[in-house]
Protein backbone atom coordinates (compact mmCIF):
# COMPACT_ATOMS: atom_id res chain seq x y z
CA MET A 1 124.84 64.09 99.78
CA GLN A 2 127.31 66.96 99.60
CA LYS A 3 130.88 65.99 100.30
CA PHE A 4 131.59 68.46 103.11
CA LYS A 5 128.51 67.33 104.99
CA ARG A 6 129.59 63.70 104.69
CA LYS A 7 133.07 64.60 105.87
CA SER A 8 131.72 66.42 108.91
CA LEU A 9 129.41 63.57 109.86
CA TYR A 10 132.17 60.99 109.56
CA LEU A 11 134.60 63.08 111.57
CA ALA A 12 131.95 63.42 114.27
CA LEU A 13 131.35 59.65 114.22
CA VAL A 14 135.03 58.88 114.77
CA ALA A 15 135.19 61.43 117.58
CA ALA A 16 132.08 59.96 119.18
CA VAL A 17 133.17 56.33 119.19
CA SER A 18 136.60 56.97 120.67
CA SER A 19 138.55 59.47 122.70
CA VAL A 20 141.88 58.04 121.53
CA GLY A 21 144.25 60.85 120.49
CA ILE A 22 146.00 61.25 117.17
CA ALA A 23 149.34 60.40 118.75
CA ASN A 24 147.99 57.00 119.78
CA THR A 25 146.51 56.17 116.37
CA ALA A 26 149.49 57.19 114.27
CA SER A 27 151.06 53.76 114.68
CA ALA A 28 147.97 52.31 112.95
CA ALA A 29 147.90 54.93 110.19
CA VAL A 30 146.72 54.07 106.69
CA ASN A 31 149.63 53.16 104.42
CA ILE A 32 150.48 51.55 101.08
CA ASN A 33 151.59 47.99 101.74
CA SER A 34 154.61 47.43 99.52
CA ASN A 35 154.18 43.66 99.91
CA GLY A 36 150.86 43.76 98.07
CA LEU A 37 148.62 42.72 100.99
CA GLY A 38 146.00 44.98 102.52
CA GLN A 39 142.47 45.78 103.63
CA VAL A 40 141.77 47.67 100.40
CA LEU A 41 142.80 46.79 96.85
CA ILE A 42 142.63 49.45 94.11
CA TYR A 43 142.73 48.02 90.57
CA PRO A 44 143.60 50.88 88.17
CA TYR A 45 141.80 49.67 85.06
CA TYR A 46 139.28 47.33 83.49
CA THR A 47 138.15 47.36 79.86
CA THR A 48 136.14 45.44 77.30
CA ARG A 49 137.17 47.65 74.39
CA ALA A 50 139.28 46.62 71.40
CA GLY A 51 138.38 42.96 71.86
CA THR A 52 139.70 42.86 75.44
CA ASP A 53 138.34 40.91 78.42
CA THR A 54 139.41 41.78 81.96
CA TYR A 55 140.06 38.87 84.31
CA LEU A 56 140.43 39.49 88.03
CA SER A 57 141.08 37.74 91.30
CA VAL A 58 141.09 38.47 95.01
CA VAL A 59 142.75 36.15 97.54
CA ASN A 60 142.10 35.88 101.26
CA THR A 61 145.55 34.89 102.53
CA THR A 62 144.39 34.66 106.17
CA ALA A 63 142.75 32.04 108.35
CA SER A 64 139.72 34.29 108.98
CA SER A 65 136.56 34.61 106.91
CA LYS A 66 136.04 38.09 105.48
CA ALA A 67 133.19 40.25 104.24
CA VAL A 68 134.34 42.56 101.44
CA LYS A 69 132.74 45.14 99.16
CA VAL A 70 133.46 44.81 95.42
CA ARG A 71 132.84 48.01 93.44
CA PHE A 72 133.19 48.77 89.71
CA THR A 73 133.18 52.38 88.51
CA GLU A 74 133.17 53.75 84.99
CA GLY A 75 136.15 55.76 83.85
CA LYS A 76 134.78 59.22 82.98
CA ASN A 77 133.47 60.43 86.35
CA SER A 78 133.84 57.29 88.46
CA ARG A 79 130.12 56.65 88.84
CA GLU A 80 129.28 53.18 90.12
CA VAL A 81 128.19 50.62 87.56
CA LEU A 82 128.05 47.60 89.90
CA ASP A 83 128.79 46.73 93.50
CA PHE A 84 128.01 43.81 95.79
CA ASN A 85 129.21 42.03 98.91
CA LEU A 86 131.60 39.08 98.66
CA TYR A 87 132.25 36.59 101.46
CA LEU A 88 135.63 34.88 101.44
CA SER A 89 136.23 31.87 103.63
CA PRO A 90 139.74 31.24 105.07
CA HIS A 91 142.36 30.97 102.28
CA ASP A 92 139.64 31.43 99.66
CA MET A 93 140.18 32.90 96.18
CA TRP A 94 137.47 34.51 94.06
CA THR A 95 137.77 35.05 90.30
CA ALA A 96 135.62 36.76 87.69
CA ALA A 97 135.81 38.53 84.34
CA VAL A 98 134.42 41.72 82.80
CA VAL A 99 133.29 41.05 79.25
CA ASN A 100 131.55 42.93 76.46
CA THR A 101 127.81 42.95 75.76
CA GLY A 102 125.85 44.37 72.87
CA THR A 103 125.41 47.68 74.68
CA GLY A 104 128.01 47.80 77.46
CA ALA A 105 129.79 45.40 79.78
CA LYS A 106 128.96 42.76 82.37
CA LEU A 107 130.58 40.71 85.13
CA VAL A 108 130.69 36.93 84.75
CA THR A 109 132.01 34.33 87.15
CA ALA A 110 132.12 30.57 87.54
CA ASP A 111 133.42 30.93 91.09
CA LYS A 112 131.36 29.40 93.91
CA SER A 113 132.24 31.82 96.73
CA CYS A 114 129.21 33.53 98.25
CA THR A 115 128.13 36.92 96.95
CA ALA A 116 125.16 39.00 98.04
CA PRO A 117 123.19 39.31 95.87
CA ALA A 118 124.00 36.11 94.01
CA ILE A 119 125.53 36.72 90.57
CA PRO A 120 123.29 35.14 87.89
CA ALA A 121 124.65 32.24 85.86
CA GLY A 122 124.72 34.41 82.73
CA GLY A 123 126.50 37.25 84.51
CA LYS A 124 125.40 40.63 85.84
CA GLU A 125 125.25 43.55 83.42
CA PHE A 126 126.73 46.90 84.41
CA VAL A 127 124.19 49.72 84.72
CA ASN A 128 124.11 53.46 84.06
CA PHE A 129 121.77 54.41 86.92
CA ALA A 130 124.41 56.50 88.72
CA TYR A 131 125.08 58.81 85.77
CA SER A 132 121.65 59.03 84.09
CA GLY A 133 118.69 61.31 84.64
CA ALA A 134 118.59 65.05 85.20
CA ASN A 135 121.94 66.81 85.53
CA LEU A 136 122.68 67.51 89.19
CA GLU A 137 125.08 70.17 90.43
CA GLY A 138 127.66 69.42 93.11
CA ILE A 139 129.32 66.26 94.38
CA GLN A 140 126.62 63.67 93.96
CA GLN A 141 126.28 59.92 94.18
CA SER A 142 124.04 59.80 91.10
CA GLY A 143 122.42 61.92 88.42
CA GLY A 144 123.51 63.30 85.08
CA ASP A 145 126.90 64.99 84.92
CA GLY A 146 126.91 66.63 81.49
CA GLU A 147 128.56 63.65 79.80
CA THR A 148 126.98 60.82 77.80
CA GLN A 149 124.50 58.61 79.65
CA SER A 150 125.09 55.68 77.29
CA LEU A 151 125.84 52.19 78.60
CA ASP A 152 128.95 52.32 76.40
CA ARG A 153 130.47 54.32 79.26
CA THR A 154 130.51 51.13 81.39
CA ARG A 155 133.02 49.45 79.05
CA GLU A 156 136.07 50.88 80.82
CA GLY A 157 136.93 52.14 84.27
CA TYR A 158 138.52 50.81 87.43
CA PHE A 159 137.47 48.85 90.51
CA GLU A 160 138.19 48.49 94.20
CA ILE A 161 137.77 45.83 96.85
CA ILE A 162 137.31 46.94 100.48
CA GLU A 163 137.41 44.62 103.48
CA MET A 164 134.43 45.42 105.73
CA GLY A 165 135.28 43.07 108.59
CA THR A 166 136.21 39.57 109.69
CA ILE A 167 133.55 36.98 110.46
CA THR A 168 133.79 35.22 113.82
CA ASN A 169 130.22 33.89 114.05
CA THR A 170 130.59 30.11 113.88
CA ALA A 171 127.38 29.48 111.93
CA ILE A 172 128.12 32.14 109.32
CA ASN A 173 131.68 30.85 108.97
CA THR A 174 130.34 27.38 108.34
CA ALA A 175 127.85 28.70 105.78
CA VAL A 176 130.48 30.47 103.63
CA THR A 177 133.20 27.83 103.94
CA HIS A 178 133.62 25.45 101.00
CA VAL A 179 132.75 21.78 101.28
CA SER A 180 133.87 19.78 98.25
CA GLY A 181 134.45 23.07 96.45
CA VAL A 182 131.09 24.68 97.22
CA PRO A 183 130.06 26.91 100.18
CA ALA A 184 127.77 25.12 102.58
CA ASN A 185 124.89 27.62 102.48
CA CYS A 186 125.21 31.02 100.74
CA ALA A 187 121.56 31.73 101.54
CA VAL A 188 122.62 32.64 105.08
CA VAL A 189 124.58 35.73 103.98
CA GLN A 190 122.20 36.49 101.10
CA ALA A 191 119.17 36.74 103.39
CA ALA A 192 117.52 40.18 103.55
CA SER A 193 117.74 40.00 107.35
CA MET A 194 121.53 39.54 107.42
CA ASP A 195 123.17 42.35 109.39
CA MET A 196 126.87 42.23 110.30
CA GLY A 197 127.15 45.94 111.05
CA PRO A 198 128.59 47.43 114.25
CA SER A 199 125.12 47.98 115.75
CA SER A 200 123.65 44.63 114.66
CA VAL A 201 121.42 42.81 117.16
CA LEU A 202 120.99 39.81 114.85
CA ILE A 203 121.68 36.42 116.46
CA VAL A 204 122.71 33.54 114.20
CA GLY A 205 123.34 30.11 115.71
CA GLY A 206 123.23 31.56 119.20
CA GLN A 207 125.96 34.14 118.49
CA SER A 208 126.04 37.77 117.43
CA ALA A 209 126.26 38.24 113.67
CA ARG A 210 128.38 41.39 114.08
CA ALA A 211 131.65 41.32 112.16
CA ASN A 212 134.94 42.02 113.91
CA PRO A 213 137.39 44.70 112.71
CA SER A 214 139.23 44.21 109.43
CA THR A 215 142.63 42.54 109.61
CA GLY A 216 143.94 42.83 106.03
CA GLY A 217 145.77 40.12 104.12
CA LEU A 218 143.87 40.56 100.85
CA ALA A 219 145.80 40.19 97.59
CA GLY A 220 144.76 40.18 93.95
CA THR A 221 145.58 40.34 90.26
CA ALA A 222 144.00 41.57 87.05
CA SER A 223 144.71 40.68 83.42
CA LEU A 224 143.67 42.55 80.29
CA ILE A 225 143.37 39.72 77.77
CA GLY A 226 143.53 40.73 74.11
CA VAL A 227 141.67 37.79 72.66
CA ALA A 228 142.38 38.40 68.98
CA GLY A 229 145.94 39.67 69.45
CA GLY A 230 146.97 36.99 71.95
CA THR A 231 148.20 39.53 74.53
CA ASP A 232 147.95 39.49 78.32
CA PHE A 233 148.62 42.68 80.22
CA GLY A 234 148.63 41.54 83.84
CA TYR A 235 149.01 43.76 86.90
CA ASP A 236 148.72 43.83 90.69
CA PRO A 237 146.37 46.23 92.49
CA VAL A 238 147.60 48.88 94.91
CA ALA A 239 147.13 47.59 98.48
CA LEU A 240 146.18 49.89 101.38
CA ASP A 241 146.67 48.61 104.91
CA ASN A 242 145.28 49.76 108.28
CA PHE A 243 142.44 51.31 106.30
CA ALA A 244 139.53 51.15 108.72
CA PRO A 245 139.70 53.39 111.81
CA PRO A 246 140.90 51.33 114.78
CA GLN A 247 138.10 52.77 116.92
CA VAL A 248 135.39 51.39 114.61
CA GLN A 249 134.29 47.78 115.13
CA ASN A 250 133.64 47.17 111.42
CA ILE A 251 132.55 49.03 108.31
CA TRP A 252 130.07 46.42 107.03
CA ASN A 253 127.18 47.72 104.94
CA PRO A 254 124.38 45.69 103.36
CA PRO A 255 124.09 44.80 99.67
CA GLY A 256 122.50 47.68 97.82
CA SER A 257 124.40 50.28 99.84
CA ILE A 258 127.08 52.33 98.11
CA PHE A 259 129.12 52.18 101.31
CA PRO A 260 131.79 51.60 102.45
CA ASP A 261 133.94 53.62 100.07
CA LEU A 262 137.32 55.35 100.34
CA THR A 263 135.88 58.06 102.60
CA PHE A 264 135.74 55.43 105.37
CA ALA A 265 139.53 55.43 105.76
CA ASP A 266 141.15 56.35 109.05
CA LEU A 267 142.05 60.04 109.29
CA THR A 268 145.79 59.47 109.72
CA SER A 269 148.17 58.62 106.86
CA VAL A 270 151.81 57.62 106.87
CA VAL A 271 153.94 58.03 103.72
CA PHE A 272 157.56 57.10 103.10
CA ASN A 273 159.46 60.15 101.88
CA ASN A 274 163.17 60.84 101.44
CA GLY A 275 164.29 57.96 103.66
CA GLY A 276 161.83 58.78 106.44
CA THR A 277 158.09 58.86 107.05
CA VAL A 278 155.54 61.66 107.12
CA THR A 279 152.47 61.16 109.33
CA SER A 280 149.55 63.50 108.63
CA THR A 281 145.98 63.94 109.85
CA TRP A 282 143.03 64.86 107.62
CA LEU A 283 139.49 66.12 107.59
CA SER A 284 138.19 63.08 105.69
CA GLY A 285 139.15 59.56 104.73
CA ASP A 286 139.40 60.31 101.03
CA SER A 287 142.05 62.94 101.79
CA THR A 288 143.93 60.26 103.72
CA VAL A 289 143.91 58.04 100.63
CA SER A 290 144.83 60.98 98.40
CA ALA A 291 147.91 61.65 100.54
CA LEU A 292 149.09 58.06 100.06
CA LEU A 293 148.76 58.31 96.27
CA MET A 294 150.05 61.89 95.80
CA HIS A 295 152.79 62.22 93.19
CA ASN A 296 154.30 65.28 91.61
CA ASN A 297 155.75 63.24 88.71
CA ILE A 298 154.83 60.04 86.88
CA ILE A 299 157.76 58.43 85.07
CA ASN A 300 157.63 55.57 82.60
CA GLU A 301 158.85 54.40 79.19
CA PHE A 302 157.43 54.25 75.68
CA VAL A 303 158.34 51.83 72.89
CA LEU A 304 157.31 52.59 69.29
CA ASP A 305 159.73 50.52 67.20
CA ASN A 306 158.85 50.56 63.52
CA ALA A 307 160.43 47.14 62.99
CA THR A 308 158.15 45.44 65.54
CA LEU A 309 155.09 47.65 64.94
CA SER A 310 155.08 48.27 68.69
CA GLY A 311 152.81 50.67 70.54
CA THR A 312 152.49 52.11 74.03
CA ASP A 313 149.58 53.25 76.21
CA TRP A 314 149.66 54.56 79.77
CA VAL A 315 146.78 54.20 82.25
CA VAL A 316 146.43 57.04 84.79
CA THR A 317 143.63 56.68 87.35
CA MET A 318 142.74 59.13 90.14
CA PRO A 319 140.67 57.06 92.64
CA THR A 320 139.74 59.97 94.93
CA LYS A 321 138.73 62.46 92.24
CA ARG A 322 135.04 61.59 92.56
CA TYR A 323 134.94 62.76 96.18
CA ASN A 324 136.46 66.14 95.43
CA VAL A 325 135.25 67.34 92.03
CA PRO A 326 131.69 68.68 91.67
CA VAL A 327 129.53 68.66 88.58
CA HIS A 328 128.88 72.18 87.30
CA ASN A 329 127.17 73.30 84.12
CA PRO A 330 129.10 76.39 82.99
CA ALA A 331 126.01 77.62 81.11
CA LEU A 332 124.25 78.35 84.41
CA SER A 333 124.29 81.95 85.58
CA GLY A 334 125.57 81.04 89.04
CA ASP A 335 127.86 78.45 90.59
CA ALA A 336 127.20 77.25 94.15
CA THR A 337 129.42 74.16 93.91
CA GLN A 338 132.50 73.51 96.04
CA LEU A 339 135.83 72.09 94.81
CA PHE A 340 138.22 70.19 97.08
CA SER A 341 142.00 69.76 97.03
CA PRO A 342 144.10 68.75 95.21
CA PHE A 343 141.87 69.02 92.13
CA THR A 344 141.53 72.26 90.20
CA HIS A 345 138.61 71.94 87.75
CA LYS A 346 134.93 70.98 87.88
CA PHE A 347 133.22 68.28 85.81
CA TRP A 348 131.02 68.76 82.76
CA LEU A 349 131.06 67.76 79.09
CA ASN A 350 134.64 66.72 78.21
CA GLY A 351 135.45 66.02 81.85
CA ALA A 352 137.32 67.83 84.61
CA CYS A 353 140.68 68.53 83.02
CA GLU A 354 143.76 68.58 85.26
CA PRO A 355 146.70 70.41 83.62
CA VAL A 356 150.02 68.59 83.44
CA SER A 357 153.38 69.26 81.82
CA LEU A 358 155.38 66.71 79.85
CA SER A 359 159.06 66.19 79.04
CA TYR A 360 160.47 63.17 77.25
CA TRP A 361 163.84 61.75 76.32
CA ASP A 362 165.10 59.20 73.84
CA ARG A 363 167.52 56.45 74.86
CA GLU A 364 170.50 58.70 74.14
CA GLU A 365 169.44 61.65 76.33
CA GLY A 366 167.74 63.67 73.61
CA ASN A 367 165.06 65.82 75.29
CA ILE A 368 161.84 67.51 74.17
CA THR A 369 159.20 69.38 76.20
CA VAL A 370 155.62 68.76 75.08
CA ARG A 371 153.27 71.73 75.11
CA ASP A 372 149.92 70.11 74.36
CA PHE A 373 148.15 66.81 74.00
CA SER A 374 146.54 66.13 70.64
CA PRO A 375 143.69 67.01 70.52
CA PRO A 376 144.14 69.80 73.07
CA ALA A 377 141.93 69.90 76.14
CA PRO A 378 139.08 72.45 76.24
CA GLY A 379 140.64 75.83 76.97
CA GLY A 380 144.05 74.69 75.69
CA GLY A 381 147.03 73.25 77.53
CA THR A 382 147.99 69.71 78.42
CA ALA A 383 145.46 67.95 80.66
CA LEU A 384 144.11 64.65 81.99
CA CYS A 385 140.33 65.04 81.88
CA TRP A 386 138.89 61.79 83.21
CA GLU A 387 138.90 59.77 86.41
CA THR A 388 140.67 57.10 84.38
CA THR A 389 142.59 58.49 81.41
CA VAL A 390 144.47 56.43 78.83
CA VAL A 391 147.50 58.28 77.45
CA THR A 392 148.38 56.82 74.06
CA PHE A 393 151.68 57.49 72.25
CA ASN A 394 151.65 58.35 68.55
CA ASP A 395 148.09 57.08 68.28
CA SER A 396 148.98 53.54 69.39
CA HIS A 397 145.39 52.96 70.63
CA LEU A 398 146.30 49.63 72.20
CA LEU A 399 143.33 49.77 74.58
CA GLY A 400 140.91 51.44 72.19
CA SER A 401 139.88 53.81 74.96
CA VAL A 402 137.35 56.60 74.48
CA ASN A 403 138.82 58.34 77.54
CA GLU A 404 142.05 58.85 75.68
CA VAL A 405 144.58 61.58 74.91
CA ASN A 406 147.38 61.26 72.38
CA VAL A 407 151.01 62.25 73.02
CA PRO A 408 152.92 62.69 69.76
CA VAL A 409 156.62 61.96 70.30
CA ASN A 410 159.54 62.29 67.90
CA PHE A 411 161.50 59.26 69.13
CA GLN A 412 160.79 55.58 68.54
CA ASN A 413 161.84 54.73 72.09
CA GLY A 414 162.48 56.57 75.30
CA TRP A 415 160.93 57.70 78.56
CA LEU A 416 158.57 60.46 79.65
CA ARG A 417 158.01 62.51 82.79
CA MET A 418 154.49 63.76 83.47
CA ALA A 419 154.50 66.54 86.08
CA PHE A 420 151.65 67.78 88.31
CA ASN A 421 152.44 71.21 89.71
CA ALA A 422 149.66 73.60 88.61
CA THR A 423 148.93 76.55 90.92
CA GLY A 424 146.90 79.74 90.90
CA ILE A 425 143.95 78.47 88.82
CA VAL A 426 140.97 80.80 89.24
CA VAL A 427 137.84 78.91 90.32
CA ALA A 428 134.43 80.01 91.56
CA ASN A 429 134.05 79.52 95.33
CA GLY A 430 137.72 78.59 95.61
CA GLN A 431 139.15 75.27 96.77
CA THR A 432 138.77 73.64 100.20
CA ASP A 433 141.93 71.92 101.41
CA GLY A 434 142.48 68.66 103.30
CA ASN A 435 142.46 70.58 106.59
CA GLY A 436 139.09 72.23 105.93
CA LEU A 437 140.52 75.67 105.06
CA ASN A 438 139.27 77.41 101.93
CA ASN A 439 141.20 79.45 99.40
CA PRO A 440 138.30 81.63 98.21
CA THR A 441 139.55 82.38 94.70
CA GLU A 442 142.19 79.92 93.48
CA ALA A 443 142.91 76.21 93.16
CA SER A 444 146.26 74.40 93.08
CA GLN A 445 147.46 70.81 92.80
CA LEU A 446 148.32 70.77 96.51
CA LEU A 447 146.93 68.98 99.56
CA THR A 448 147.59 70.32 103.08
CA SER A 449 146.93 68.42 106.32
CA PHE A 450 145.91 69.62 109.79
CA ASP A 451 149.61 69.28 110.68
CA GLY A 452 150.59 71.75 107.97
CA ASP A 453 152.16 69.07 105.74
CA THR A 454 151.75 70.06 102.09
CA TYR A 455 151.71 67.34 99.43
CA ILE A 456 152.37 68.49 95.85
CA GLY A 457 150.73 66.84 92.84
CA LEU A 458 147.75 64.57 92.22
CA PRO A 459 146.71 61.14 93.62
CA THR A 460 147.30 58.59 90.87
CA VAL A 461 147.69 54.87 90.24
CA GLY A 462 148.37 53.10 86.96
CA PHE A 463 150.81 51.46 84.59
CA MET A 464 152.34 51.45 81.12
CA LEU A 465 151.63 48.73 78.58
CA GLN A 466 153.25 47.96 75.26
CA ASP A 467 152.86 45.40 72.51
CA PHE A 468 155.15 43.98 69.82
CA ILE A 469 154.55 42.10 66.59
CA ASN A 470 157.12 39.66 65.26
CA GLN A 471 156.23 39.21 61.61
CA ASN A 472 158.52 36.23 61.18
CA ALA A 473 158.65 34.34 64.48
CA ALA A 474 159.06 31.24 62.29
CA PRO A 475 158.60 30.77 58.56
CA GLY A 476 155.05 31.88 57.82
CA ILE A 477 154.22 32.53 61.48
CA LEU A 478 153.35 35.92 62.98
CA ALA A 479 153.58 36.33 66.78
CA THR A 480 152.36 39.06 69.14
CA TYR A 481 153.67 39.92 72.59
CA GLY A 482 152.53 42.23 75.35
CA GLY A 483 153.86 43.47 78.65
CA ASN A 484 153.10 46.13 81.23
CA PHE A 485 154.99 47.94 83.97
CA VAL A 486 153.79 49.93 86.95
CA HIS A 487 154.49 53.67 86.88
CA LYS A 488 157.46 55.10 88.75
CA TYR A 489 156.90 58.26 90.78
CA THR A 490 158.47 61.11 92.63
CA THR A 491 156.88 62.52 95.77
CA ALA A 492 157.18 66.06 97.07
CA ILE A 493 156.05 66.81 100.63
CA SER A 494 156.75 69.96 102.61
CA ALA A 495 156.51 68.27 105.99
CA VAL A 496 156.22 70.09 109.31
CA ASN A 497 156.62 66.93 111.37
């Protein structure tokens, strides 16, 4: 399905189900919950490379049962490698791990909470179905994209958890609620006939099976466990609140469906900026999410002490890139694909490379401007080419990523600013903005709303991680340490309202 068609259909759906005006929905606009609780959790990174396992959790902090979608996507072009429905009873917590296999990665869990389908005892292997087969032009849900179709691609990426609705049906609540540590009857929600969607006519226990609207309150964690090195890089996901449109009863979809995804977000965003808030309206839900994550600068530190053999990697993930960047084979004589803001390049072999500029300082204010990553991106210039890119400093390679770029720095310690401000990039068929308007010839790292609010930069989430080695923690004992820190950002919005 082409992106613009999906956007138009969803906009029509929202208009059809409610006549509530934008002014009335602004108070329920999608926002980043700074307290870490929300309807959607975006986890910037998982990996099984370099001897790492990724452990994860999601917590239902409310007294209501919830149906949620769990989705894992690989890091090159954010194609799905696994998704399923998870049912959390009140105050429930679900845990799992992503571990290595001989060819790729898989999800394993000892948790008893209900999933549909059920996760096998030996785990569920990630698949390459969404990025294999014939290469397909445009914004697609599956098909080849010019990059490798190997299962190795599943070994790193990111994941998201989306609340689809709350469960009020008494019988279904009873079925998913734990008794002596085990849900009473997961077969109820795993049945092929189960339908909790907004148009469901299914009756269970004398009551409608339809889910009620989402209420939020999800929290979570992830840990990148370096088994051999004894490191634990733990982080919290980014939490989005008021995600689902208030006019929509629920956004439940059955197992096997790729929906809901981030395009299901309400069409109004609210962002804190310069001591106030900016409320904007958008053509599609993914633009809403992009607005929340838009940054014109990422700022974080690097530590490369020779004495402690320390290293630093940054993770930079762009969760809405997959909805806006088409696949295009540049060897074809024509290009009918459409690119969407704020991204400026199309995807093929070696990715869709977004240009950035870098400046870094040591701890005593010494400053250097970096011209290029090493190796340089195709076409030259500094760029982040993947949906999830690992930026490694002086070839630290802490994560062993294959979606990696190296930043050579001259200082052992310091901090770096990564800026997103590219404009005037020539692109076939131009770039369609967040308000539906098309610039027919050029693309820029900008996103403009129906209100005329212009957000500068790219939508990113991520963190910095570093490790240290103490070669003499005690006589004859070597010790390793690890830590990670969320990125700091600046935001630039030219706001009309």
